[in-house]
Amino acid sequence: MSATIERPAGSARSARAVRAVPHEVTGATTTASLAVRGTLPTQIVLGIFRIVMGFYFVWAFLDKTFGLGFSTPSERAWINGGSPTAGFLGGVQGPFAGLFNGMAGAAWADWLFMAGLLGIGLALMLGIGMRVAAIAGTVLLGFMYLASLPLTTNPIIDSHVVEALAIISLAMIGAGDTLGLGRQWKSLPLVRKNSWLV
């Protein structure tokens, strides 16, 4: 499997070129993903953006697991007995404080949170399972948004909303198909039979 970038058909500058290609999931003929139909610079930017978004989640996982000293000091690392959810959820003071304070430090919450960070991050970085990553990422970021209420710099929007919309957008345009393993992933028999895994 290799990461791919594809020039649109026609002129190198044409972003509107549409090609019929075999659809990896259903076997039917359809158009290429929006990401692949873009110009080469567009494909590169979308691929890098997807990888960066994935690394954002993977880095949070690594820092909380090993206490790399950025957001998590070594003594509070998960491998040293620290809880990845205790600090953030234990400090929630907004309208959902009761819900989130009750989850803080629970083993199930720690495992679910860390699995989410790693799974979402790897899916985005590799360009595979983008639909699942978009749904899981939106749920995780939605909970973090609710835990952040009331917001201090904007009454409605914060970075969690922007990040969720970015992940959804990357999945919808097929950004895993460029600089990623999306097309190879979609050709796997399991994924062909279960289109929700795309």
N, C-alpha and C. Protein backbone atom coordinates (compact mmCIF):
# COMPACT_ATOMS: atom_id res chain seq x y z
N MET A 1 0.84 -1.18 0.00
CA MET A 1 0.00 0.00 0.00
C MET A 1 0.88 1.24 0.00
N SER A 2 0.48 2.23 -0.75
CA SER A 2 1.27 3.44 -0.80
C SER A 2 0.35 4.65 -0.83
N ALA A 3 0.85 5.76 -0.33
CA ALA A 3 0.09 7.00 -0.37
C ALA A 3 0.02 7.48 -1.81
N THR A 4 -1.09 8.11 -2.16
CA THR A 4 -1.26 8.50 -3.55
C THR A 4 -1.64 9.94 -3.71
N ILE A 5 -1.15 10.53 -4.80
CA ILE A 5 -1.58 11.84 -5.26
C ILE A 5 -1.85 11.66 -6.74
N GLU A 6 -2.93 12.21 -7.22
CA GLU A 6 -3.29 12.03 -8.61
C GLU A 6 -3.61 13.37 -9.24
N ARG A 7 -3.02 13.61 -10.41
CA ARG A 7 -3.34 14.83 -11.15
C ARG A 7 -4.72 14.69 -11.76
N PRO A 8 -5.52 15.76 -11.72
CA PRO A 8 -6.82 15.70 -12.38
C PRO A 8 -6.64 15.53 -13.88
N ALA A 9 -7.63 14.91 -14.51
CA ALA A 9 -7.58 14.74 -15.95
C ALA A 9 -7.62 16.10 -16.62
N GLY A 10 -7.08 16.20 -17.81
CA GLY A 10 -7.10 17.48 -18.52
C GLY A 10 -5.90 18.31 -18.13
N SER A 11 -6.06 19.60 -18.16
CA SER A 11 -4.94 20.49 -17.87
C SER A 11 -4.53 20.38 -16.41
N ALA A 12 -3.27 20.64 -16.14
CA ALA A 12 -2.73 20.55 -14.79
C ALA A 12 -3.39 21.56 -13.86
N ARG A 13 -3.95 22.64 -14.42
CA ARG A 13 -4.57 23.68 -13.59
C ARG A 13 -6.07 23.49 -13.39
N SER A 14 -6.65 22.54 -14.08
CA SER A 14 -8.10 22.37 -14.03
C SER A 14 -8.53 21.66 -12.76
N ALA A 15 -9.29 22.35 -11.93
CA ALA A 15 -9.80 21.74 -10.71
C ALA A 15 -11.18 21.15 -10.95
N ARG A 16 -11.75 21.35 -12.13
CA ARG A 16 -13.11 20.89 -12.41
C ARG A 16 -13.13 19.57 -13.18
N ALA A 17 -11.98 19.04 -13.51
CA ALA A 17 -11.95 17.81 -14.29
C ALA A 17 -12.55 16.67 -13.46
N VAL A 18 -13.49 15.95 -14.06
CA VAL A 18 -14.15 14.85 -13.37
C VAL A 18 -13.89 13.58 -14.16
N ARG A 19 -13.45 12.55 -13.48
CA ARG A 19 -13.16 11.29 -14.13
C ARG A 19 -14.04 10.20 -13.55
N ALA A 20 -14.47 9.29 -14.39
CA ALA A 20 -15.20 8.12 -13.91
C ALA A 20 -14.18 7.07 -13.50
N VAL A 21 -14.31 6.57 -12.31
CA VAL A 21 -13.40 5.54 -11.80
C VAL A 21 -14.23 4.46 -11.14
N PRO A 22 -13.70 3.24 -11.07
CA PRO A 22 -14.44 2.20 -10.36
C PRO A 22 -14.59 2.60 -8.89
N HIS A 23 -15.77 2.48 -8.37
CA HIS A 23 -16.01 2.82 -6.97
C HIS A 23 -15.50 1.67 -6.12
N GLU A 24 -14.60 1.97 -5.20
CA GLU A 24 -13.93 0.94 -4.42
C GLU A 24 -14.87 0.16 -3.51
N VAL A 25 -15.98 0.74 -3.10
CA VAL A 25 -16.85 0.08 -2.14
C VAL A 25 -17.91 -0.77 -2.82
N THR A 26 -18.58 -0.22 -3.83
CA THR A 26 -19.71 -0.93 -4.42
C THR A 26 -19.37 -1.61 -5.73
N GLY A 27 -18.25 -1.27 -6.34
CA GLY A 27 -17.90 -1.82 -7.63
C GLY A 27 -18.54 -1.05 -8.79
N ALA A 28 -19.44 -0.12 -8.48
CA ALA A 28 -20.10 0.68 -9.51
C ALA A 28 -19.14 1.77 -9.99
N THR A 29 -19.43 2.34 -11.15
CA THR A 29 -18.62 3.44 -11.64
C THR A 29 -19.18 4.75 -11.09
N THR A 30 -18.30 5.57 -10.57
CA THR A 30 -18.69 6.85 -10.00
C THR A 30 -17.55 7.84 -10.20
N THR A 31 -17.72 9.05 -9.75
CA THR A 31 -16.65 10.03 -9.89
C THR A 31 -15.65 9.89 -8.75
N ALA A 32 -14.43 10.34 -9.01
CA ALA A 32 -13.39 10.31 -8.00
C ALA A 32 -13.76 11.25 -6.86
N SER A 33 -13.18 11.02 -5.68
CA SER A 33 -13.47 11.88 -4.54
C SER A 33 -13.08 13.32 -4.84
N LEU A 34 -13.71 14.24 -4.14
CA LEU A 34 -13.39 15.66 -4.35
C LEU A 34 -11.92 15.94 -4.12
N ALA A 35 -11.32 15.28 -3.15
CA ALA A 35 -9.91 15.51 -2.85
C ALA A 35 -9.03 15.12 -4.04
N VAL A 36 -9.32 14.00 -4.67
CA VAL A 36 -8.53 13.52 -5.79
C VAL A 36 -8.77 14.36 -7.04
N ARG A 37 -9.96 14.94 -7.18
CA ARG A 37 -10.28 15.76 -8.34
C ARG A 37 -9.63 17.14 -8.27
N GLY A 38 -9.12 17.53 -7.14
CA GLY A 38 -8.49 18.85 -7.00
C GLY A 38 -7.15 18.91 -7.69
N THR A 39 -6.63 20.12 -7.79
CA THR A 39 -5.30 20.30 -8.37
C THR A 39 -4.26 19.66 -7.47
N LEU A 40 -3.08 19.43 -7.99
CA LEU A 40 -2.01 18.81 -7.21
C LEU A 40 -1.72 19.59 -5.91
N PRO A 41 -1.58 20.93 -5.97
CA PRO A 41 -1.37 21.66 -4.71
C PRO A 41 -2.53 21.48 -3.72
N THR A 42 -3.76 21.43 -4.25
CA THR A 42 -4.92 21.22 -3.38
C THR A 42 -4.84 19.85 -2.71
N GLN A 43 -4.49 18.83 -3.49
CA GLN A 43 -4.36 17.49 -2.94
C GLN A 43 -3.30 17.45 -1.84
N ILE A 44 -2.19 18.11 -2.07
CA ILE A 44 -1.10 18.11 -1.09
C ILE A 44 -1.55 18.80 0.20
N VAL A 45 -2.20 19.95 0.07
CA VAL A 45 -2.67 20.69 1.25
C VAL A 45 -3.69 19.87 2.03
N LEU A 46 -4.66 19.25 1.33
CA LEU A 46 -5.66 18.44 2.01
C LEU A 46 -5.02 17.24 2.71
N GLY A 47 -4.06 16.61 2.05
CA GLY A 47 -3.37 15.48 2.68
C GLY A 47 -2.61 15.90 3.92
N ILE A 48 -1.89 17.01 3.83
CA ILE A 48 -1.13 17.51 4.98
C ILE A 48 -2.08 17.93 6.10
N PHE A 49 -3.17 18.59 5.76
CA PHE A 49 -4.15 19.01 6.77
C PHE A 49 -4.71 17.80 7.52
N ARG A 50 -5.04 16.73 6.78
CA ARG A 50 -5.56 15.52 7.40
C ARG A 50 -4.53 14.90 8.34
N ILE A 51 -3.28 14.84 7.89
CA ILE A 51 -2.21 14.25 8.71
C ILE A 51 -1.98 15.08 9.96
N VAL A 52 -1.99 16.40 9.82
CA VAL A 52 -1.81 17.29 10.98
C VAL A 52 -2.95 17.12 11.98
N MET A 53 -4.19 17.04 11.48
CA MET A 53 -5.33 16.83 12.39
C MET A 53 -5.17 15.50 13.13
N GLY A 54 -4.72 14.48 12.43
CA GLY A 54 -4.50 13.19 13.08
C GLY A 54 -3.41 13.25 14.12
N PHE A 55 -2.32 13.94 13.79
CA PHE A 55 -1.22 14.05 14.74
C PHE A 55 -1.64 14.79 16.01
N TYR A 56 -2.56 15.73 15.87
CA TYR A 56 -3.10 16.46 17.03
C TYR A 56 -3.66 15.48 18.06
N PHE A 57 -4.41 14.49 17.59
CA PHE A 57 -4.99 13.49 18.48
C PHE A 57 -3.94 12.50 18.99
N VAL A 58 -3.06 12.04 18.09
CA VAL A 58 -2.02 11.09 18.49
C VAL A 58 -1.08 11.73 19.51
N TRP A 59 -0.75 13.01 19.32
CA TRP A 59 0.13 13.67 20.28
C TRP A 59 -0.52 13.74 21.66
N ALA A 60 -1.80 14.07 21.71
CA ALA A 60 -2.50 14.11 23.01
C ALA A 60 -2.44 12.74 23.66
N PHE A 61 -2.62 11.68 22.89
CA PHE A 61 -2.53 10.32 23.42
C PHE A 61 -1.13 10.05 23.99
N LEU A 62 -0.10 10.38 23.22
CA LEU A 62 1.28 10.12 23.66
C LEU A 62 1.64 10.93 24.89
N ASP A 63 1.26 12.20 24.92
CA ASP A 63 1.59 13.06 26.06
C ASP A 63 0.90 12.57 27.33
N LYS A 64 -0.37 12.16 27.21
CA LYS A 64 -1.09 11.69 28.39
C LYS A 64 -0.61 10.30 28.82
N THR A 65 -0.19 9.49 27.87
CA THR A 65 0.29 8.15 28.20
C THR A 65 1.65 8.19 28.88
N PHE A 66 2.57 8.95 28.33
CA PHE A 66 3.95 8.92 28.80
C PHE A 66 4.38 10.15 29.61
N GLY A 67 3.51 11.13 29.76
CA GLY A 67 3.85 12.33 30.51
C GLY A 67 5.06 13.03 29.93
N LEU A 68 4.94 13.47 28.70
CA LEU A 68 6.07 14.07 28.00
C LEU A 68 6.38 15.49 28.45
N GLY A 69 5.57 16.01 29.38
CA GLY A 69 5.86 17.31 29.96
C GLY A 69 5.24 18.49 29.25
N PHE A 70 4.39 18.26 28.29
CA PHE A 70 3.74 19.37 27.61
C PHE A 70 2.44 19.70 28.34
N SER A 71 1.41 18.88 28.18
CA SER A 71 0.18 19.07 28.96
C SER A 71 0.16 18.18 30.19
N THR A 72 0.95 17.11 30.16
CA THR A 72 0.95 16.13 31.24
C THR A 72 2.37 15.94 31.78
N PRO A 73 2.59 16.29 33.04
CA PRO A 73 3.92 16.03 33.63
C PRO A 73 4.14 14.53 33.83
N SER A 74 5.37 14.11 33.88
CA SER A 74 5.73 12.70 33.98
C SER A 74 5.03 11.99 35.14
N GLU A 75 4.95 12.65 36.28
CA GLU A 75 4.34 11.99 37.44
C GLU A 75 2.84 11.73 37.29
N ARG A 76 2.17 12.42 36.34
CA ARG A 76 0.74 12.21 36.11
C ARG A 76 0.47 11.40 34.84
N ALA A 77 1.53 10.80 34.27
CA ALA A 77 1.38 9.99 33.06
C ALA A 77 0.51 8.77 33.34
N TRP A 78 -0.20 8.34 32.33
CA TRP A 78 -1.08 7.18 32.45
C TRP A 78 -0.28 5.94 32.85
N ILE A 79 0.93 5.76 32.29
CA ILE A 79 1.74 4.58 32.61
C ILE A 79 2.29 4.65 34.04
N ASN A 80 2.24 5.81 34.65
CA ASN A 80 2.69 5.96 36.03
C ASN A 80 1.52 6.00 37.01
N GLY A 81 0.34 5.58 36.55
CA GLY A 81 -0.83 5.52 37.43
C GLY A 81 -1.72 6.75 37.39
N GLY A 82 -1.38 7.73 36.58
CA GLY A 82 -2.22 8.92 36.47
C GLY A 82 -3.46 8.64 35.65
N SER A 83 -4.44 9.51 35.78
CA SER A 83 -5.68 9.37 35.02
C SER A 83 -5.74 10.44 33.94
N PRO A 84 -5.92 10.04 32.68
CA PRO A 84 -5.99 11.02 31.60
C PRO A 84 -7.23 11.91 31.67
N THR A 85 -8.26 11.48 32.39
CA THR A 85 -9.50 12.26 32.45
C THR A 85 -9.67 13.03 33.75
N ALA A 86 -8.93 12.69 34.79
CA ALA A 86 -9.15 13.28 36.11
C ALA A 86 -8.98 14.79 36.11
N GLY A 87 -7.91 15.30 35.53
CA GLY A 87 -7.64 16.73 35.57
C GLY A 87 -8.68 17.56 34.87
N PHE A 88 -8.95 17.23 33.60
CA PHE A 88 -9.89 18.02 32.79
C PHE A 88 -11.32 17.86 33.30
N LEU A 89 -11.78 16.62 33.41
CA LEU A 89 -13.18 16.41 33.81
C LEU A 89 -13.42 16.75 35.28
N GLY A 90 -12.41 16.57 36.10
CA GLY A 90 -12.57 16.91 37.52
C GLY A 90 -12.69 18.40 37.76
N GLY A 91 -12.22 19.20 36.81
CA GLY A 91 -12.25 20.65 36.96
C GLY A 91 -13.43 21.33 36.26
N VAL A 92 -14.34 20.54 35.67
CA VAL A 92 -15.49 21.12 34.98
C VAL A 92 -16.39 21.81 35.99
N GLN A 93 -16.79 23.07 35.66
CA GLN A 93 -17.62 23.85 36.58
C GLN A 93 -18.91 24.35 35.93
N GLY A 94 -19.14 24.06 34.69
CA GLY A 94 -20.30 24.57 33.97
C GLY A 94 -21.57 23.80 34.26
N PRO A 95 -22.55 23.92 33.36
CA PRO A 95 -23.85 23.30 33.57
C PRO A 95 -23.82 21.78 33.59
N PHE A 96 -22.77 21.18 33.06
CA PHE A 96 -22.67 19.72 33.04
C PHE A 96 -21.64 19.20 34.04
N ALA A 97 -21.32 20.00 35.04
CA ALA A 97 -20.30 19.65 36.02
C ALA A 97 -20.59 18.31 36.69
N GLY A 98 -21.82 18.09 37.09
CA GLY A 98 -22.17 16.84 37.77
C GLY A 98 -21.87 15.62 36.93
N LEU A 99 -22.24 15.68 35.66
CA LEU A 99 -22.00 14.56 34.75
C LEU A 99 -20.51 14.31 34.58
N PHE A 100 -19.76 15.35 34.24
CA PHE A 100 -18.35 15.17 33.93
C PHE A 100 -17.50 14.94 35.18
N ASN A 101 -17.80 15.58 36.29
CA ASN A 101 -17.05 15.33 37.52
C ASN A 101 -17.20 13.87 37.96
N GLY A 102 -18.39 13.29 37.71
CA GLY A 102 -18.62 11.89 38.05
C GLY A 102 -17.81 10.92 37.20
N MET A 103 -17.49 11.32 35.98
CA MET A 103 -16.68 10.48 35.07
C MET A 103 -15.19 10.60 35.35
N ALA A 104 -14.78 11.69 35.94
CA ALA A 104 -13.36 11.99 36.11
C ALA A 104 -12.63 10.88 36.85
N GLY A 105 -11.60 10.36 36.22
CA GLY A 105 -10.76 9.35 36.85
C GLY A 105 -11.30 7.94 36.79
N ALA A 106 -12.51 7.72 36.26
CA ALA A 106 -13.05 6.36 36.15
C ALA A 106 -12.25 5.58 35.11
N ALA A 107 -11.94 4.34 35.42
CA ALA A 107 -11.12 3.52 34.51
C ALA A 107 -11.76 3.41 33.13
N TRP A 108 -13.08 3.20 33.07
CA TRP A 108 -13.75 3.07 31.78
C TRP A 108 -13.63 4.36 30.97
N ALA A 109 -13.73 5.51 31.65
CA ALA A 109 -13.62 6.80 30.96
C ALA A 109 -12.19 7.01 30.44
N ASP A 110 -11.20 6.64 31.26
CA ASP A 110 -9.81 6.76 30.83
C ASP A 110 -9.54 5.92 29.59
N TRP A 111 -9.96 4.65 29.61
CA TRP A 111 -9.72 3.76 28.48
C TRP A 111 -10.46 4.21 27.23
N LEU A 112 -11.71 4.63 27.39
CA LEU A 112 -12.49 5.08 26.24
C LEU A 112 -11.89 6.35 25.63
N PHE A 113 -11.50 7.29 26.49
CA PHE A 113 -10.90 8.54 26.03
C PHE A 113 -9.59 8.28 25.28
N MET A 114 -8.73 7.46 25.86
CA MET A 114 -7.43 7.20 25.25
C MET A 114 -7.56 6.39 23.96
N ALA A 115 -8.47 5.42 23.94
CA ALA A 115 -8.71 4.65 22.70
C ALA A 115 -9.24 5.58 21.62
N GLY A 116 -10.09 6.51 22.00
CA GLY A 116 -10.62 7.48 21.05
C GLY A 116 -9.52 8.36 20.47
N LEU A 117 -8.67 8.89 21.33
CA LEU A 117 -7.57 9.74 20.86
C LEU A 117 -6.68 8.99 19.87
N LEU A 118 -6.28 7.77 20.24
CA LEU A 118 -5.38 7.00 19.38
C LEU A 118 -6.06 6.56 18.09
N GLY A 119 -7.27 6.03 18.20
CA GLY A 119 -7.98 5.54 17.02
C GLY A 119 -8.31 6.64 16.02
N ILE A 120 -8.83 7.75 16.52
CA ILE A 120 -9.16 8.88 15.64
C ILE A 120 -7.89 9.43 15.00
N GLY A 121 -6.84 9.58 15.80
CA GLY A 121 -5.59 10.12 15.28
C GLY A 121 -4.96 9.25 14.21
N LEU A 122 -4.89 7.94 14.46
CA LEU A 122 -4.29 7.04 13.47
C LEU A 122 -5.12 6.97 12.19
N ALA A 123 -6.44 6.92 12.34
CA ALA A 123 -7.31 6.88 11.15
C ALA A 123 -7.09 8.12 10.29
N LEU A 124 -7.02 9.28 10.91
CA LEU A 124 -6.81 10.51 10.16
C LEU A 124 -5.42 10.55 9.53
N MET A 125 -4.41 10.18 10.28
CA MET A 125 -3.05 10.23 9.74
C MET A 125 -2.88 9.28 8.55
N LEU A 126 -3.50 8.09 8.63
CA LEU A 126 -3.36 7.10 7.57
C LEU A 126 -4.37 7.31 6.44
N GLY A 127 -5.45 8.03 6.71
CA GLY A 127 -6.48 8.25 5.70
C GLY A 127 -7.43 7.08 5.56
N ILE A 128 -7.56 6.27 6.60
CA ILE A 128 -8.44 5.10 6.56
C ILE A 128 -9.55 5.26 7.60
N GLY A 129 -10.67 4.61 7.35
CA GLY A 129 -11.77 4.68 8.31
C GLY A 129 -12.21 6.10 8.60
N MET A 130 -12.22 6.94 7.57
CA MET A 130 -12.50 8.36 7.77
C MET A 130 -13.91 8.63 8.28
N ARG A 131 -14.89 7.82 7.87
CA ARG A 131 -16.26 8.02 8.36
C ARG A 131 -16.34 7.74 9.85
N VAL A 132 -15.74 6.64 10.26
CA VAL A 132 -15.73 6.29 11.68
C VAL A 132 -14.98 7.34 12.48
N ALA A 133 -13.84 7.80 11.94
CA ALA A 133 -13.06 8.83 12.62
C ALA A 133 -13.85 10.12 12.75
N ALA A 134 -14.61 10.47 11.71
CA ALA A 134 -15.40 11.70 11.75
C ALA A 134 -16.50 11.62 12.82
N ILE A 135 -17.16 10.48 12.89
CA ILE A 135 -18.22 10.32 13.89
C ILE A 135 -17.62 10.29 15.29
N ALA A 136 -16.60 9.44 15.50
CA ALA A 136 -15.99 9.33 16.82
C ALA A 136 -15.35 10.66 17.24
N GLY A 137 -14.69 11.32 16.31
CA GLY A 137 -14.05 12.60 16.63
C GLY A 137 -15.08 13.66 17.00
N THR A 138 -16.19 13.68 16.29
CA THR A 138 -17.24 14.65 16.58
C THR A 138 -17.86 14.39 17.95
N VAL A 139 -18.07 13.12 18.29
CA VAL A 139 -18.62 12.78 19.61
C VAL A 139 -17.64 13.19 20.70
N LEU A 140 -16.37 12.82 20.55
CA LEU A 140 -15.36 13.17 21.55
C LEU A 140 -15.25 14.69 21.72
N LEU A 141 -15.14 15.40 20.61
CA LEU A 141 -15.02 16.86 20.66
C LEU A 141 -16.30 17.51 21.17
N GLY A 142 -17.45 16.90 20.88
CA GLY A 142 -18.73 17.41 21.40
C GLY A 142 -18.78 17.33 22.92
N PHE A 143 -18.32 16.20 23.47
CA PHE A 143 -18.27 16.08 24.93
C PHE A 143 -17.29 17.10 25.53
N MET A 144 -16.16 17.29 24.87
CA MET A 144 -15.19 18.26 25.37
C MET A 144 -15.75 19.68 25.29
N TYR A 145 -16.53 19.95 24.26
CA TYR A 145 -17.19 21.26 24.14
C TYR A 145 -18.16 21.47 25.31
N LEU A 146 -18.99 20.47 25.58
CA LEU A 146 -19.95 20.58 26.69
C LEU A 146 -19.24 20.74 28.03
N ALA A 147 -18.10 20.07 28.18
CA ALA A 147 -17.34 20.19 29.42
C ALA A 147 -16.70 21.56 29.56
N SER A 148 -16.52 22.26 28.45
CA SER A 148 -15.89 23.59 28.47
C SER A 148 -16.88 24.72 28.74
N LEU A 149 -18.17 24.43 28.73
CA LEU A 149 -19.18 25.47 28.96
C LEU A 149 -19.14 25.98 30.40
N PRO A 150 -19.37 27.23 30.66
CA PRO A 150 -19.57 28.30 29.69
C PRO A 150 -18.23 28.73 29.07
N LEU A 151 -18.29 29.08 27.80
CA LEU A 151 -17.10 29.49 27.07
C LEU A 151 -16.67 30.88 27.52
N THR A 152 -15.38 31.15 27.42
CA THR A 152 -14.87 32.43 27.91
C THR A 152 -14.53 33.43 26.81
N THR A 153 -14.16 32.96 25.61
CA THR A 153 -13.73 33.90 24.58
C THR A 153 -14.77 34.12 23.49
N ASN A 154 -15.76 33.25 23.40
CA ASN A 154 -16.82 33.35 22.41
C ASN A 154 -18.04 32.66 23.01
N PRO A 155 -19.21 33.25 22.95
CA PRO A 155 -20.36 32.64 23.63
C PRO A 155 -20.87 31.35 23.00
N ILE A 156 -20.47 31.05 21.75
CA ILE A 156 -21.04 29.89 21.06
C ILE A 156 -19.98 28.93 20.53
N ILE A 157 -18.95 29.45 19.90
CA ILE A 157 -17.98 28.61 19.18
C ILE A 157 -16.64 28.56 19.93
N ASP A 158 -16.04 27.37 19.95
CA ASP A 158 -14.67 27.25 20.43
C ASP A 158 -13.93 26.28 19.51
N SER A 159 -12.69 25.97 19.84
CA SER A 159 -11.87 25.15 18.95
C SER A 159 -12.44 23.74 18.76
N HIS A 160 -13.17 23.22 19.73
CA HIS A 160 -13.75 21.89 19.59
C HIS A 160 -14.74 21.83 18.41
N VAL A 161 -15.53 22.87 18.25
CA VAL A 161 -16.49 22.93 17.14
C VAL A 161 -15.76 23.02 15.81
N VAL A 162 -14.75 23.85 15.73
CA VAL A 162 -13.98 24.03 14.50
C VAL A 162 -13.28 22.72 14.12
N GLU A 163 -12.69 22.04 15.10
CA GLU A 163 -11.99 20.78 14.83
C GLU A 163 -12.97 19.70 14.37
N ALA A 164 -14.14 19.62 14.98
CA ALA A 164 -15.14 18.63 14.57
C ALA A 164 -15.57 18.88 13.13
N LEU A 165 -15.83 20.14 12.78
CA LEU A 165 -16.22 20.46 11.41
C LEU A 165 -15.10 20.15 10.42
N ALA A 166 -13.86 20.36 10.83
CA ALA A 166 -12.72 20.06 9.95
C ALA A 166 -12.64 18.55 9.68
N ILE A 167 -12.82 17.74 10.72
CA ILE A 167 -12.75 16.28 10.53
C ILE A 167 -13.90 15.80 9.65
N ILE A 168 -15.10 16.31 9.89
CA ILE A 168 -16.25 15.94 9.06
C ILE A 168 -16.00 16.32 7.60
N SER A 169 -15.47 17.52 7.38
CA SER A 169 -15.19 17.98 6.02
C SER A 169 -14.15 17.09 5.33
N LEU A 170 -13.09 16.74 6.05
CA LEU A 170 -12.06 15.88 5.47
C LEU A 170 -12.63 14.52 5.07
N ALA A 171 -13.52 13.98 5.89
CA ALA A 171 -14.14 12.69 5.57
C ALA A 171 -15.07 12.83 4.37
N MET A 172 -15.84 13.90 4.32
CA MET A 172 -16.83 14.08 3.25
C MET A 172 -16.18 14.27 1.88
N ILE A 173 -15.03 14.90 1.82
CA ILE A 173 -14.39 15.12 0.52
C ILE A 173 -13.44 13.98 0.12
N GLY A 174 -13.30 13.00 0.97
CA GLY A 174 -12.43 11.88 0.65
C GLY A 174 -10.96 12.21 0.76
N ALA A 175 -10.59 13.00 1.76
CA ALA A 175 -9.20 13.43 1.91
C ALA A 175 -8.24 12.28 2.22
N GLY A 176 -8.76 11.14 2.61
CA GLY A 176 -7.90 9.98 2.84
C GLY A 176 -7.34 9.40 1.55
N ASP A 177 -7.91 9.81 0.41
CA ASP A 177 -7.47 9.29 -0.89
C ASP A 177 -6.20 9.97 -1.39
N THR A 178 -5.79 11.05 -0.78
CA THR A 178 -4.59 11.75 -1.22
C THR A 178 -3.59 11.82 -0.06
N LEU A 179 -2.36 11.45 -0.34
CA LEU A 179 -1.31 11.34 0.68
C LEU A 179 -1.74 10.40 1.80
N GLY A 180 -2.54 9.43 1.46
CA GLY A 180 -3.02 8.49 2.46
C GLY A 180 -3.30 7.14 1.84
N LEU A 181 -3.82 6.25 2.65
CA LEU A 181 -4.10 4.89 2.22
C LEU A 181 -5.58 4.66 1.95
N GLY A 182 -6.33 5.75 1.75
CA GLY A 182 -7.78 5.66 1.60
C GLY A 182 -8.24 4.76 0.47
N ARG A 183 -7.66 4.89 -0.70
CA ARG A 183 -8.11 4.08 -1.84
C ARG A 183 -7.76 2.60 -1.63
N GLN A 184 -6.59 2.34 -1.08
CA GLN A 184 -6.22 0.95 -0.81
C GLN A 184 -7.13 0.36 0.27
N TRP A 185 -7.45 1.16 1.28
CA TRP A 185 -8.34 0.73 2.36
C TRP A 185 -9.72 0.37 1.79
N LYS A 186 -10.24 1.23 0.91
CA LYS A 186 -11.57 1.01 0.33
C LYS A 186 -11.62 -0.22 -0.56
N SER A 187 -10.48 -0.69 -1.04
CA SER A 187 -10.47 -1.86 -1.92
C SER A 187 -10.44 -3.17 -1.14
N LEU A 188 -10.26 -3.12 0.18
CA LEU A 188 -10.25 -4.34 0.99
C LEU A 188 -11.64 -4.97 1.00
N PRO A 189 -11.72 -6.31 0.92
CA PRO A 189 -13.03 -6.98 0.90
C PRO A 189 -13.92 -6.61 2.09
N LEU A 190 -13.36 -6.54 3.28
CA LEU A 190 -14.15 -6.18 4.46
C LEU A 190 -14.78 -4.81 4.32
N VAL A 191 -14.02 -3.85 3.81
CA VAL A 191 -14.50 -2.49 3.67
C VAL A 191 -15.52 -2.42 2.52
N ARG A 192 -15.31 -3.18 1.45
CA ARG A 192 -16.27 -3.22 0.35
C ARG A 192 -17.63 -3.71 0.83
N LYS A 193 -17.61 -4.69 1.75
CA LYS A 193 -18.86 -5.25 2.26
C LYS A 193 -19.51 -4.35 3.32
N ASN A 194 -18.73 -3.50 3.95
CA ASN A 194 -19.22 -2.64 5.04
C ASN A 194 -18.82 -1.20 4.75
N SER A 195 -19.62 -0.52 3.94
CA SER A 195 -19.25 0.82 3.47
C SER A 195 -19.10 1.83 4.61
N TRP A 196 -19.67 1.54 5.77
CA TRP A 196 -19.53 2.47 6.90
C TRP A 196 -18.07 2.52 7.39
N LEU A 197 -17.26 1.55 7.01
CA LEU A 197 -15.83 1.53 7.40
C LEU A 197 -14.98 2.46 6.54
N VAL A 198 -15.55 2.98 5.45
CA VAL A 198 -14.80 3.87 4.56
C VAL A 198 -14.28 5.02 5.38
